[in-house]
Amino acid sequence: MTALAFVSAAMFLMIIGLAVALLALARQVGILFERVSPMGALVNDSGPEVGSASPKLNLESRTGGMVPIGPRANRATLVFFLSPTCPVCKKLLPVVQSIRDAERGWLDIVLA
């Protein structure tokens, strides 16, 4: 009887250990999904050709002013589309800010 109780207790502890390992793996899968999930939205085969000129637009900003987008003499405009819930966007924002500081002389950056 004591051998049966010992084996039952050992099996119970193994099942508890497996449950903890399963929860840890599920947590890691969730973390990985948050990091990689928006990558599918980056693949797009339609739209304008790379390097083609955009139409001239004069759009209203969130602060109430107007933002000109389109071809201008000696200036280029980078329109960076982002979302507050996008983890890739959060990682790219410091890069966009450093590009803005380094290329201020010829590049305008618009966050959309």
PDB file of N, CA and C in Angstrom:
ATOM      1  N   MET A   1       0.816  -1.186   0.000  1.00  0.00           N
ATOM      2  CA  MET A   1       0.000   0.000   0.000  1.00  0.00           C
ATOM      3  C   MET A   1       0.862   1.253   0.000  1.00  0.00           C
ATOM      4  N   THR A   2       1.997   1.230   0.702  1.00  0.00           N
ATOM      5  CA  THR A   2       2.842   2.421   0.744  1.00  0.00           C
ATOM      6  C   THR A   2       3.491   2.676  -0.609  1.00  0.00           C
ATOM      7  N   ALA A   3       3.802   1.624  -1.360  1.00  0.00           N
ATOM      8  CA  ALA A   3       4.382   1.811  -2.687  1.00  0.00           C
ATOM      9  C   ALA A   3       3.358   2.452  -3.616  1.00  0.00           C
ATOM     10  N   LEU A   4       2.105   2.034  -3.500  1.00  0.00           N
ATOM     11  CA  LEU A   4       1.047   2.616  -4.323  1.00  0.00           C
ATOM     12  C   LEU A   4       0.837   4.093  -3.976  1.00  0.00           C
ATOM     13  N   ALA A   5       0.875   4.431  -2.712  1.00  0.00           N
ATOM     14  CA  ALA A   5       0.720   5.832  -2.296  1.00  0.00           C
ATOM     15  C   ALA A   5       1.902   6.666  -2.790  1.00  0.00           C
ATOM     16  N   PHE A   6       3.104   6.099  -2.725  1.00  0.00           N
ATOM     17  CA  PHE A   6       4.287   6.821  -3.204  1.00  0.00           C
ATOM     18  C   PHE A   6       4.204   7.079  -4.704  1.00  0.00           C
ATOM     19  N   VAL A   7       3.820   6.079  -5.484  1.00  0.00           N
ATOM     20  CA  VAL A   7       3.701   6.231  -6.940  1.00  0.00           C
ATOM     21  C   VAL A   7       2.596   7.225  -7.278  1.00  0.00           C
ATOM     22  N   SER A   8       1.483   7.174  -6.566  1.00  0.00           N
ATOM     23  CA  SER A   8       0.385   8.118  -6.807  1.00  0.00           C
ATOM     24  C   SER A   8       0.826   9.547  -6.511  1.00  0.00           C
ATOM     25  N   ALA A   9       1.551   9.746  -5.425  1.00  0.00           N
ATOM     26  CA  ALA A   9       2.037  11.086  -5.083  1.00  0.00           C
ATOM     27  C   ALA A   9       3.039  11.579  -6.124  1.00  0.00           C
ATOM     28  N   ALA A  10       3.906  10.692  -6.583  1.00  0.00           N
ATOM     29  CA  ALA A  10       4.880  11.078  -7.612  1.00  0.00           C
ATOM     30  C   ALA A  10       4.167  11.453  -8.907  1.00  0.00           C
ATOM     31  N   MET A  11       3.150  10.688  -9.299  1.00  0.00           N
ATOM     32  CA  MET A  11       2.383  11.002 -10.508  1.00  0.00           C
ATOM     33  C   MET A  11       1.657  12.337 -10.356  1.00  0.00           C
ATOM     34  N   PHE A  12       1.108  12.590  -9.180  1.00  0.00           N
ATOM     35  CA  PHE A  12       0.414  13.854  -8.931  1.00  0.00           C
ATOM     36  C   PHE A  12       1.378  15.029  -9.071  1.00  0.00           C
ATOM     37  N   LEU A  13       2.577  14.899  -8.516  1.00  0.00           N
ATOM     38  CA  LEU A  13       3.578  15.965  -8.631  1.00  0.00           C
ATOM     39  C   LEU A  13       4.016  16.164 -10.081  1.00  0.00           C
ATOM     40  N   MET A  14       4.118  15.067 -10.836  1.00  0.00           N
ATOM     41  CA  MET A  14       4.482  15.197 -12.250  1.00  0.00           C
ATOM     42  C   MET A  14       3.385  15.915 -13.038  1.00  0.00           C
ATOM     43  N   ILE A  15       2.137  15.622 -12.735  1.00  0.00           N
ATOM     44  CA  ILE A  15       1.028  16.290 -13.427  1.00  0.00           C
ATOM     45  C   ILE A  15       1.016  17.780 -13.087  1.00  0.00           C
ATOM     46  N   ILE A  16       1.266  18.123 -11.844  1.00  0.00           N
ATOM     47  CA  ILE A  16       1.350  19.537 -11.454  1.00  0.00           C
ATOM     48  C   ILE A  16       2.503  20.215 -12.199  1.00  0.00           C
ATOM     49  N   GLY A  17       3.643  19.547 -12.282  1.00  0.00           N
ATOM     50  CA  GLY A  17       4.786  20.105 -13.019  1.00  0.00           C
ATOM     51  C   GLY A  17       4.476  20.303 -14.496  1.00  0.00           C
ATOM     52  N   LEU A  18       3.790  19.344 -15.104  1.00  0.00           N
ATOM     53  CA  LEU A  18       3.400  19.481 -16.509  1.00  0.00           C
ATOM     54  C   LEU A  18       2.425  20.635 -16.707  1.00  0.00           C
ATOM     55  N   ALA A  19       1.516  20.834 -15.763  1.00  0.00           N
ATOM     56  CA  ALA A  19       0.566  21.946 -15.865  1.00  0.00           C
ATOM     57  C   ALA A  19       1.295  23.284 -15.792  1.00  0.00           C
ATOM     58  N   VAL A  20       2.271  23.390 -14.899  1.00  0.00           N
ATOM     59  CA  VAL A  20       3.061  24.624 -14.799  1.00  0.00           C
ATOM     60  C   VAL A  20       3.852  24.855 -16.084  1.00  0.00           C
ATOM     61  N   ALA A  21       4.443  23.801 -16.635  1.00  0.00           N
ATOM     62  CA  ALA A  21       5.193  23.931 -17.888  1.00  0.00           C
ATOM     63  C   ALA A  21       4.268  24.339 -19.035  1.00  0.00           C
ATOM     64  N   LEU A  22       3.056  23.803 -19.075  1.00  0.00           N
ATOM     65  CA  LEU A  22       2.089  24.163 -20.113  1.00  0.00           C
ATOM     66  C   LEU A  22       1.704  25.638 -20.016  1.00  0.00           C
ATOM     67  N   LEU A  23       1.480  26.128 -18.808  1.00  0.00           N
ATOM     68  CA  LEU A  23       1.156  27.547 -18.632  1.00  0.00           C
ATOM     69  C   LEU A  23       2.324  28.439 -19.050  1.00  0.00           C
ATOM     70  N   ALA A  24       3.544  28.032 -18.727  1.00  0.00           N
ATOM     71  CA  ALA A  24       4.711  28.822 -19.129  1.00  0.00           C
ATOM     72  C   ALA A  24       4.850  28.854 -20.647  1.00  0.00           C
ATOM     73  N   LEU A  25       4.630  27.730 -21.310  1.00  0.00           N
ATOM     74  CA  LEU A  25       4.698  27.698 -22.773  1.00  0.00           C
ATOM     75  C   LEU A  25       3.589  28.530 -23.407  1.00  0.00           C
ATOM     76  N   ALA A  26       2.394  28.479 -22.842  1.00  0.00           N
ATOM     77  CA  ALA A  26       1.290  29.286 -23.377  1.00  0.00           C
ATOM     78  C   ALA A  26       1.603  30.771 -23.248  1.00  0.00           C
ATOM     79  N   ARG A  27       2.219  31.159 -22.162  1.00  0.00           N
ATOM     80  CA  ARG A  27       2.614  32.564 -21.977  1.00  0.00           C
ATOM     81  C   ARG A  27       3.646  32.970 -23.020  1.00  0.00           C
ATOM     82  N   GLN A  28       4.618  32.124 -23.283  1.00  0.00           N
ATOM     83  CA  GLN A  28       5.650  32.431 -24.276  1.00  0.00           C
ATOM     84  C   GLN A  28       5.060  32.524 -25.678  1.00  0.00           C
ATOM     85  N   VAL A  29       4.105  31.663 -25.999  1.00  0.00           N
ATOM     86  CA  VAL A  29       3.449  31.737 -27.308  1.00  0.00           C
ATOM     87  C   VAL A  29       2.704  33.064 -27.435  1.00  0.00           C
ATOM     88  N   GLY A  30       2.053  33.507 -26.377  1.00  0.00           N
ATOM     89  CA  GLY A  30       1.365  34.796 -26.400  1.00  0.00           C
ATOM     90  C   GLY A  30       2.322  35.951 -26.613  1.00  0.00           C
ATOM     91  N   ILE A  31       3.470  35.914 -25.960  1.00  0.00           N
ATOM     92  CA  ILE A  31       4.475  36.970 -26.126  1.00  0.00           C
ATOM     93  C   ILE A  31       5.007  36.969 -27.552  1.00  0.00           C
ATOM     94  N   LEU A  32       5.297  35.802 -28.093  1.00  0.00           N
ATOM     95  CA  LEU A  32       5.776  35.723 -29.475  1.00  0.00           C
ATOM     96  C   LEU A  32       4.715  36.193 -30.463  1.00  0.00           C
ATOM     97  N   PHE A  33       3.460  35.873 -30.214  1.00  0.00           N
ATOM     98  CA  PHE A  33       2.387  36.308 -31.100  1.00  0.00           C
ATOM     99  C   PHE A  33       2.280  37.826 -31.117  1.00  0.00           C
ATOM    100  N   GLU A  34       2.448  38.481 -29.964  1.00  0.00           N
ATOM    101  CA  GLU A  34       2.414  39.946 -29.919  1.00  0.00           C
ATOM    102  C   GLU A  34       3.539  40.546 -30.743  1.00  0.00           C
ATOM    103  N   ARG A  35       4.690  39.923 -30.746  1.00  0.00           N
ATOM    104  CA  ARG A  35       5.838  40.460 -31.476  1.00  0.00           C
ATOM    105  C   ARG A  35       5.723  40.265 -32.982  1.00  0.00           C
ATOM    106  N   VAL A  36       5.137  39.163 -33.429  1.00  0.00           N
ATOM    107  CA  VAL A  36       5.174  38.825 -34.846  1.00  0.00           C
ATOM    108  C   VAL A  36       3.836  39.008 -35.557  1.00  0.00           C
ATOM    109  N   SER A  37       2.757  39.174 -34.859  1.00  0.00           N
ATOM    110  CA  SER A  37       1.445  39.184 -35.506  1.00  0.00           C
ATOM    111  C   SER A  37       1.260  40.268 -36.557  1.00  0.00           C
ATOM    112  N   PRO A  38       1.744  41.497 -36.378  1.00  0.00           N
ATOM    113  CA  PRO A  38       1.464  42.503 -37.407  1.00  0.00           C
ATOM    114  C   PRO A  38       2.298  42.349 -38.669  1.00  0.00           C
ATOM    115  N   MET A  39       3.240  41.437 -38.718  1.00  0.00           N
ATOM    116  CA  MET A  39       4.108  41.317 -39.886  1.00  0.00           C
ATOM    117  C   MET A  39       3.346  40.918 -41.142  1.00  0.00           C
ATOM    118  N   GLY A  40       2.239  40.213 -41.011  1.00  0.00           N
ATOM    119  CA  GLY A  40       1.468  39.840 -42.186  1.00  0.00           C
ATOM    120  C   GLY A  40       0.876  41.040 -42.895  1.00  0.00           C
ATOM    121  N   ALA A  41       0.611  42.120 -42.175  1.00  0.00           N
ATOM    122  CA  ALA A  41       0.039  43.315 -42.783  1.00  0.00           C
ATOM    123  C   ALA A  41       1.071  44.090 -43.594  1.00  0.00           C
ATOM    124  N   LEU A  42       2.338  43.784 -43.454  1.00  0.00           N
ATOM    125  CA  LEU A  42       3.370  44.519 -44.172  1.00  0.00           C
ATOM    126  C   LEU A  42       3.506  44.079 -45.621  1.00  0.00           C
ATOM    127  N   VAL A  43       2.953  42.937 -45.983  1.00  0.00           N
ATOM    128  CA  VAL A  43       3.065  42.432 -47.347  1.00  0.00           C
ATOM    129  C   VAL A  43       1.909  43.004 -48.160  1.00  0.00           C
ATOM    130  N   ASN A  44       2.255  43.815 -49.164  1.00  0.00           N
ATOM    131  CA  ASN A  44       1.231  44.440 -49.989  1.00  0.00           C
ATOM    132  C   ASN A  44       1.770  44.567 -51.403  1.00  0.00           C
ATOM    133  N   ASP A  45       1.095  43.945 -52.356  1.00  0.00           N
ATOM    134  CA  ASP A  45       1.549  43.982 -53.743  1.00  0.00           C
ATOM    135  C   ASP A  45       0.834  45.037 -54.566  1.00  0.00           C
ATOM    136  N   SER A  46      -0.158  45.704 -54.012  1.00  0.00           N
ATOM    137  CA  SER A  46      -0.892  46.704 -54.773  1.00  0.00           C
ATOM    138  C   SER A  46      -0.480  48.100 -54.329  1.00  0.00           C
ATOM    139  N   GLY A  47      -0.842  49.093 -55.123  1.00  0.00           N
ATOM    140  CA  GLY A  47      -0.539  50.472 -54.773  1.00  0.00           C
ATOM    141  C   GLY A  47       0.438  51.087 -55.743  1.00  0.00           C
ATOM    142  N   PRO A  48       0.892  52.281 -55.442  1.00  0.00           N
ATOM    143  CA  PRO A  48       1.813  52.966 -56.355  1.00  0.00           C
ATOM    144  C   PRO A  48       3.179  52.293 -56.383  1.00  0.00           C
ATOM    145  N   GLU A  49       3.879  52.503 -57.462  1.00  0.00           N
ATOM    146  CA  GLU A  49       5.231  51.966 -57.599  1.00  0.00           C
ATOM    147  C   GLU A  49       6.172  52.690 -56.639  1.00  0.00           C
ATOM    148  N   VAL A  50       7.193  52.010 -56.210  1.00  0.00           N
ATOM    149  CA  VAL A  50       8.189  52.621 -55.339  1.00  0.00           C
ATOM    150  C   VAL A  50       8.895  53.725 -56.103  1.00  0.00           C
ATOM    151  N   GLY A  51       8.976  54.905 -55.496  1.00  0.00           N
ATOM    152  CA  GLY A  51       9.657  56.034 -56.115  1.00  0.00           C
ATOM    153  C   GLY A  51       8.768  56.908 -56.971  1.00  0.00           C
ATOM    154  N   SER A  52       7.517  56.508 -57.198  1.00  0.00           N
ATOM    155  CA  SER A  52       6.633  57.346 -58.010  1.00  0.00           C
ATOM    156  C   SER A  52       6.133  58.524 -57.175  1.00  0.00           C
ATOM    157  N   ALA A  53       5.865  59.638 -57.852  1.00  0.00           N
ATOM    158  CA  ALA A  53       5.434  60.854 -57.161  1.00  0.00           C
ATOM    159  C   ALA A  53       3.998  60.703 -56.677  1.00  0.00           C
ATOM    160  N   SER A  54       3.740  61.220 -55.502  1.00  0.00           N
ATOM    161  CA  SER A  54       2.382  61.179 -54.962  1.00  0.00           C
ATOM    162  C   SER A  54       1.620  62.419 -55.423  1.00  0.00           C
ATOM    163  N   PRO A  55       0.308  62.379 -55.351  1.00  0.00           N
ATOM    164  CA  PRO A  55      -0.449  63.585 -55.691  1.00  0.00           C
ATOM    165  C   PRO A  55      -0.261  64.643 -54.607  1.00  0.00           C
ATOM    166  N   LYS A  56      -0.433  65.903 -54.978  1.00  0.00           N
ATOM    167  CA  LYS A  56      -0.330  66.974 -53.982  1.00  0.00           C
ATOM    168  C   LYS A  56      -1.586  66.964 -53.120  1.00  0.00           C
ATOM    169  N   LEU A  57      -1.380  66.891 -51.825  1.00  0.00           N
ATOM    170  CA  LEU A  57      -2.480  66.893 -50.869  1.00  0.00           C
ATOM    171  C   LEU A  57      -2.206  67.943 -49.811  1.00  0.00           C
ATOM    172  N   ASN A  58      -3.243  68.584 -49.330  1.00  0.00           N
ATOM    173  CA  ASN A  58      -3.131  69.521 -48.223  1.00  0.00           C
ATOM    174  C   ASN A  58      -4.131  69.054 -47.169  1.00  0.00           C
ATOM    175  N   LEU A  59      -3.645  68.321 -46.169  1.00  0.00           N
ATOM    176  CA  LEU A  59      -4.504  67.647 -45.203  1.00  0.00           C
ATOM    177  C   LEU A  59      -4.480  68.355 -43.862  1.00  0.00           C
ATOM    178  N   GLU A  60      -5.571  68.221 -43.135  1.00  0.00           N
ATOM    179  CA  GLU A  60      -5.671  68.834 -41.814  1.00  0.00           C
ATOM    180  C   GLU A  60      -4.973  67.943 -40.786  1.00  0.00           C
ATOM    181  N   SER A  61      -4.202  68.571 -39.908  1.00  0.00           N
ATOM    182  CA  SER A  61      -3.497  67.811 -38.873  1.00  0.00           C
ATOM    183  C   SER A  61      -4.383  67.690 -37.637  1.00  0.00           C
ATOM    184  N   ARG A  62      -3.940  66.885 -36.702  1.00  0.00           N
ATOM    185  CA  ARG A  62      -4.690  66.713 -35.455  1.00  0.00           C
ATOM    186  C   ARG A  62      -4.633  67.948 -34.586  1.00  0.00           C
ATOM    187  N   THR A  63      -3.630  68.795 -34.807  1.00  0.00           N
ATOM    188  CA  THR A  63      -3.503  70.018 -34.016  1.00  0.00           C
ATOM    189  C   THR A  63      -4.254  71.183 -34.640  1.00  0.00           C
ATOM    190  N   GLY A  64      -4.880  70.968 -35.792  1.00  0.00           N
ATOM    191  CA  GLY A  64      -5.681  72.005 -36.414  1.00  0.00           C
ATOM    192  C   GLY A  64      -5.036  72.682 -37.606  1.00  0.00           C
ATOM    193  N   GLY A  65      -3.743  72.550 -37.797  1.00  0.00           N
ATOM    194  CA  GLY A  65      -3.061  73.165 -38.934  1.00  0.00           C
ATOM    195  C   GLY A  65      -3.199  72.311 -40.184  1.00  0.00           C
ATOM    196  N   MET A  66      -2.578  72.771 -41.251  1.00  0.00           N
ATOM    197  CA  MET A  66      -2.597  72.040 -42.511  1.00  0.00           C
ATOM    198  C   MET A  66      -1.219  71.429 -42.758  1.00  0.00           C
ATOM    199  N   VAL A  67      -1.197  70.215 -43.299  1.00  0.00           N
ATOM    200  CA  VAL A  67       0.045  69.511 -43.594  1.00  0.00           C
ATOM    201  C   VAL A  67       0.097  69.260 -45.098  1.00  0.00           C
ATOM    202  N   PRO A  68       1.069  69.877 -45.799  1.00  0.00           N
ATOM    203  CA  PRO A  68       1.182  69.607 -47.237  1.00  0.00           C
ATOM    204  C   PRO A  68       1.919  68.292 -47.476  1.00  0.00           C
ATOM    205  N   ILE A  69       1.349  67.450 -48.307  1.00  0.00           N
ATOM    206  CA  ILE A  69       1.973  66.182 -48.677  1.00  0.00           C
ATOM    207  C   ILE A  69       2.016  66.123 -50.193  1.00  0.00           C
ATOM    208  N   GLY A  70       3.155  65.807 -50.734  1.00  0.00           N
ATOM    209  CA  GLY A  70       3.296  65.702 -52.176  1.00  0.00           C
ATOM    210  C   GLY A  70       4.597  66.323 -52.636  1.00  0.00           C
ATOM    211  N   PRO A  71       4.820  66.333 -53.937  1.00  0.00           N
ATOM    212  CA  PRO A  71       6.081  66.850 -54.474  1.00  0.00           C
ATOM    213  C   PRO A  71       6.275  68.326 -54.146  1.00  0.00           C
ATOM    214  N   ARG A  72       7.450  68.643 -53.603  1.00  0.00           N
ATOM    215  CA  ARG A  72       7.838  70.032 -53.339  1.00  0.00           C
ATOM    216  C   ARG A  72       9.283  70.179 -53.766  1.00  0.00           C
ATOM    217  N   ALA A  73       9.661  71.368 -54.124  1.00  0.00           N
ATOM    218  CA  ALA A  73      11.020  71.614 -54.614  1.00  0.00           C
ATOM    219  C   ALA A  73      12.046  71.332 -53.521  1.00  0.00           C
ATOM    220  N   ASN A  74      13.019  70.508 -53.831  1.00  0.00           N
ATOM    221  CA  ASN A  74      14.162  70.204 -52.961  1.00  0.00           C
ATOM    222  C   ASN A  74      13.773  69.607 -51.614  1.00  0.00           C
ATOM    223  N   ARG A  75      12.575  69.066 -51.469  1.00  0.00           N
ATOM    224  CA  ARG A  75      12.161  68.440 -50.211  1.00  0.00           C
ATOM    225  C   ARG A  75      11.494  67.108 -50.534  1.00  0.00           C
ATOM    226  N   ALA A  76      11.725  66.149 -49.688  1.00  0.00           N
ATOM    227  CA  ALA A  76      11.042  64.861 -49.791  1.00  0.00           C
ATOM    228  C   ALA A  76      10.165  64.703 -48.554  1.00  0.00           C
ATOM    229  N   THR A  77       9.112  63.927 -48.683  1.00  0.00           N
ATOM    230  CA  THR A  77       8.202  63.701 -47.565  1.00  0.00           C
ATOM    231  C   THR A  77       8.076  62.205 -47.327  1.00  0.00           C
ATOM    232  N   LEU A  78       8.302  61.803 -46.092  1.00  0.00           N
ATOM    233  CA  LEU A  78       8.107  60.414 -45.680  1.00  0.00           C
ATOM    234  C   LEU A  78       6.843  60.367 -44.836  1.00  0.00           C
ATOM    235  N   VAL A  79       5.845  59.625 -45.294  1.00  0.00           N
ATOM    236  CA  VAL A  79       4.614  59.445 -44.529  1.00  0.00           C
ATOM    237  C   VAL A  79       4.728  58.106 -43.817  1.00  0.00           C
ATOM    238  N   PHE A  80       4.770  58.151 -42.490  1.00  0.00           N
ATOM    239  CA  PHE A  80       4.931  56.946 -41.672  1.00  0.00           C
ATOM    240  C   PHE A  80       3.580  56.628 -41.035  1.00  0.00           C
ATOM    241  N   PHE A  81       2.958  55.548 -41.491  1.00  0.00           N
ATOM    242  CA  PHE A  81       1.673  55.128 -40.948  1.00  0.00           C
ATOM    243  C   PHE A  81       1.923  54.264 -39.719  1.00  0.00           C
ATOM    244  N   LEU A  82       1.249  54.591 -38.618  1.00  0.00           N
ATOM    245  CA  LEU A  82       1.457  53.838 -37.388  1.00  0.00           C
ATOM    246  C   LEU A  82       0.146  53.681 -36.638  1.00  0.00           C
ATOM    247  N   SER A  83       0.177  52.794 -35.670  1.00  0.00           N
ATOM    248  CA  SER A  83      -0.977  52.527 -34.820  1.00  0.00           C
ATOM    249  C   SER A  83      -0.498  52.466 -33.375  1.00  0.00           C
ATOM    250  N   PRO A  84      -1.289  52.969 -32.431  1.00  0.00           N
ATOM    251  CA  PRO A  84      -0.870  52.916 -31.026  1.00  0.00           C
ATOM    252  C   PRO A  84      -0.732  51.498 -30.486  1.00  0.00           C
ATOM    253  N   THR A  85      -1.385  50.523 -31.118  1.00  0.00           N
ATOM    254  CA  THR A  85      -1.322  49.147 -30.623  1.00  0.00           C
ATOM    255  C   THR A  85      -0.321  48.291 -31.387  1.00  0.00           C
ATOM    256  N   CYS A  86       0.439  48.882 -32.298  1.00  0.00           N
ATOM    257  CA  CYS A  86       1.375  48.129 -33.136  1.00  0.00           C
ATOM    258  C   CYS A  86       2.745  48.044 -32.454  1.00  0.00           C
ATOM    259  N   PRO A  87       3.208  46.836 -32.067  1.00  0.00           N
ATOM    260  CA  PRO A  87       4.514  46.736 -31.414  1.00  0.00           C
ATOM    261  C   PRO A  87       5.671  47.063 -32.355  1.00  0.00           C
ATOM    262  N   VAL A  88       5.516  46.790 -33.648  1.00  0.00           N
ATOM    263  CA  VAL A  88       6.576  47.120 -34.605  1.00  0.00           C
ATOM    264  C   VAL A  88       6.708  48.633 -34.722  1.00  0.00           C
ATOM    265  N   CYS A  89       5.563  49.337 -34.739  1.00  0.00           N
ATOM    266  CA  CYS A  89       5.584  50.803 -34.819  1.00  0.00           C
ATOM    267  C   CYS A  89       6.297  51.397 -33.608  1.00  0.00           C
ATOM    268  N   LYS A  90       6.041  50.842 -32.437  1.00  0.00           N
ATOM    269  CA  LYS A  90       6.682  51.356 -31.225  1.00  0.00           C
ATOM    270  C   LYS A  90       8.194  51.203 -31.295  1.00  0.00           C
ATOM    271  N   LYS A  91       8.664  50.126 -31.916  1.00  0.00           N
ATOM    272  CA  LYS A  91      10.106  49.925 -32.035  1.00  0.00           C
ATOM    273  C   LYS A  91      10.708  50.805 -33.117  1.00  0.00           C
ATOM    274  N   LEU A  92       9.912  51.161 -34.142  1.00  0.00           N
ATOM    275  CA  LEU A  92      10.429  51.971 -35.242  1.00  0.00           C
ATOM    276  C   LEU A  92      10.392  53.469 -34.959  1.00  0.00           C
ATOM    277  N   LEU A  93       9.582  53.921 -34.009  1.00  0.00           N
ATOM    278  CA  LEU A  93       9.481  55.358 -33.748  1.00  0.00           C
ATOM    279  C   LEU A  93      10.815  56.006 -33.376  1.00  0.00           C
ATOM    280  N   PRO A  94      11.654  55.412 -32.515  1.00  0.00           N
ATOM    281  CA  PRO A  94      12.960  56.037 -32.253  1.00  0.00           C
ATOM    282  C   PRO A  94      13.828  56.126 -33.506  1.00  0.00           C
ATOM    283  N   VAL A  95      13.717  55.143 -34.399  1.00  0.00           N
ATOM    284  CA  VAL A  95      14.477  55.178 -35.652  1.00  0.00           C
ATOM    285  C   VAL A  95      13.985  56.329 -36.522  1.00  0.00           C
ATOM    286  N   VAL A  96      12.667  56.502 -36.605  1.00  0.00           N
ATOM    287  CA  VAL A  96      12.094  57.593 -37.395  1.00  0.00           C
ATOM    288  C   VAL A  96      12.521  58.940 -36.817  1.00  0.00           C
ATOM    289  N   GLN A  97      12.557  59.054 -35.493  1.00  0.00           N
ATOM    290  CA  GLN A  97      12.988  60.307 -34.870  1.00  0.00           C
ATOM    291  C   GLN A  97      14.455  60.601 -35.164  1.00  0.00           C
ATOM    292  N   SER A  98      15.303  59.590 -35.150  1.00  0.00           N
ATOM    293  CA  SER A  98      16.717  59.828 -35.462  1.00  0.00           C
ATOM    294  C   SER A  98      16.899  60.179 -36.934  1.00  0.00           C
ATOM    295  N   ILE A  99      16.097  59.578 -37.822  1.00  0.00           N
ATOM    296  CA  ILE A  99      16.149  59.948 -39.242  1.00  0.00           C
ATOM    297  C   ILE A  99      15.708  61.396 -39.409  1.00  0.00           C
ATOM    298  N   ARG A 100      14.658  61.785 -38.706  1.00  0.00           N
ATOM    299  CA  ARG A 100      14.180  63.171 -38.786  1.00  0.00           C
ATOM    300  C   ARG A 100      15.272  64.147 -38.359  1.00  0.00           C
ATOM    301  N   ASP A 101      15.974  63.839 -37.284  1.00  0.00           N
ATOM    302  CA  ASP A 101      17.035  64.731 -36.808  1.00  0.00           C
ATOM    303  C   ASP A 101      18.216  64.766 -37.766  1.00  0.00           C
ATOM    304  N   ALA A 102      18.572  63.624 -38.336  1.00  0.00           N
ATOM    305  CA  ALA A 102      19.747  63.557 -39.205  1.00  0.00           C
ATOM    306  C   ALA A 102      19.480  64.137 -40.592  1.00  0.00           C
ATOM    307  N   GLU A 103      18.268  64.005 -41.100  1.00  0.00           N
ATOM    308  CA  GLU A 103      17.951  64.411 -42.475  1.00  0.00           C
ATOM    309  C   GLU A 103      17.023  65.621 -42.521  1.00  0.00           C
ATOM    310  N   ARG A 104      17.086  66.458 -41.525  1.00  0.00           N
ATOM    311  CA  ARG A 104      16.197  67.606 -41.396  1.00  0.00           C
ATOM    312  C   ARG A 104      16.283  68.558 -42.587  1.00  0.00           C
ATOM    313  N   GLY A 105      17.426  68.639 -43.242  1.00  0.00           N
ATOM    314  CA  GLY A 105      17.631  69.592 -44.323  1.00  0.00           C
ATOM    315  C   GLY A 105      16.831  69.310 -45.582  1.00  0.00           C
ATOM    316  N   TRP A 106      16.492  68.064 -45.834  1.00  0.00           N
ATOM    317  CA  TRP A 106      15.799  67.748 -47.087  1.00  0.00           C
ATOM    318  C   TRP A 106      14.575  66.853 -46.928  1.00  0.00           C
ATOM    319  N   LEU A 107      14.308  66.370 -45.704  1.00  0.00           N
ATOM    320  CA  LEU A 107      13.244  65.388 -45.502  1.00  0.00           C
ATOM    321  C   LEU A 107      12.240  65.874 -44.473  1.00  0.00           C
ATOM    322  N   ASP A 108      10.963  65.828 -44.837  1.00  0.00           N
ATOM    323  CA  ASP A 108       9.868  66.078 -43.897  1.00  0.00           C
ATOM    324  C   ASP A 108       9.239  64.735 -43.556  1.00  0.00           C
ATOM    325  N   ILE A 109       8.946  64.518 -42.273  1.00  0.00           N
ATOM    326  CA  ILE A 109       8.321  63.266 -41.843  1.00  0.00           C
ATOM    327  C   ILE A 109       6.932  63.581 -41.310  1.00  0.00           C
ATOM    328  N   VAL A 110       5.951  62.865 -41.833  1.00  0.00           N
ATOM    329  CA  VAL A 110       4.561  63.024 -41.408  1.00  0.00           C
ATOM    330  C   VAL A 110       4.127  61.711 -40.777  1.00  0.00           C
ATOM    331  N   LEU A 111       3.659  61.765 -39.527  1.00  0.00           N
ATOM    332  CA  LEU A 111       3.141  60.576 -38.847  1.00  0.00           C
ATOM    333  C   LEU A 111       1.643  60.505 -39.104  1.00  0.00           C
ATOM    334  N   ALA A 112       1.208  59.404 -39.677  1.00  0.00           N
ATOM    335  CA  ALA A 112      -0.219  59.261 -40.017  1.00  0.00           C
ATOM    336  C   ALA A 112      -0.797  58.046 -39.325  1.00  0.00           C
TER     337      ALA A 112
END
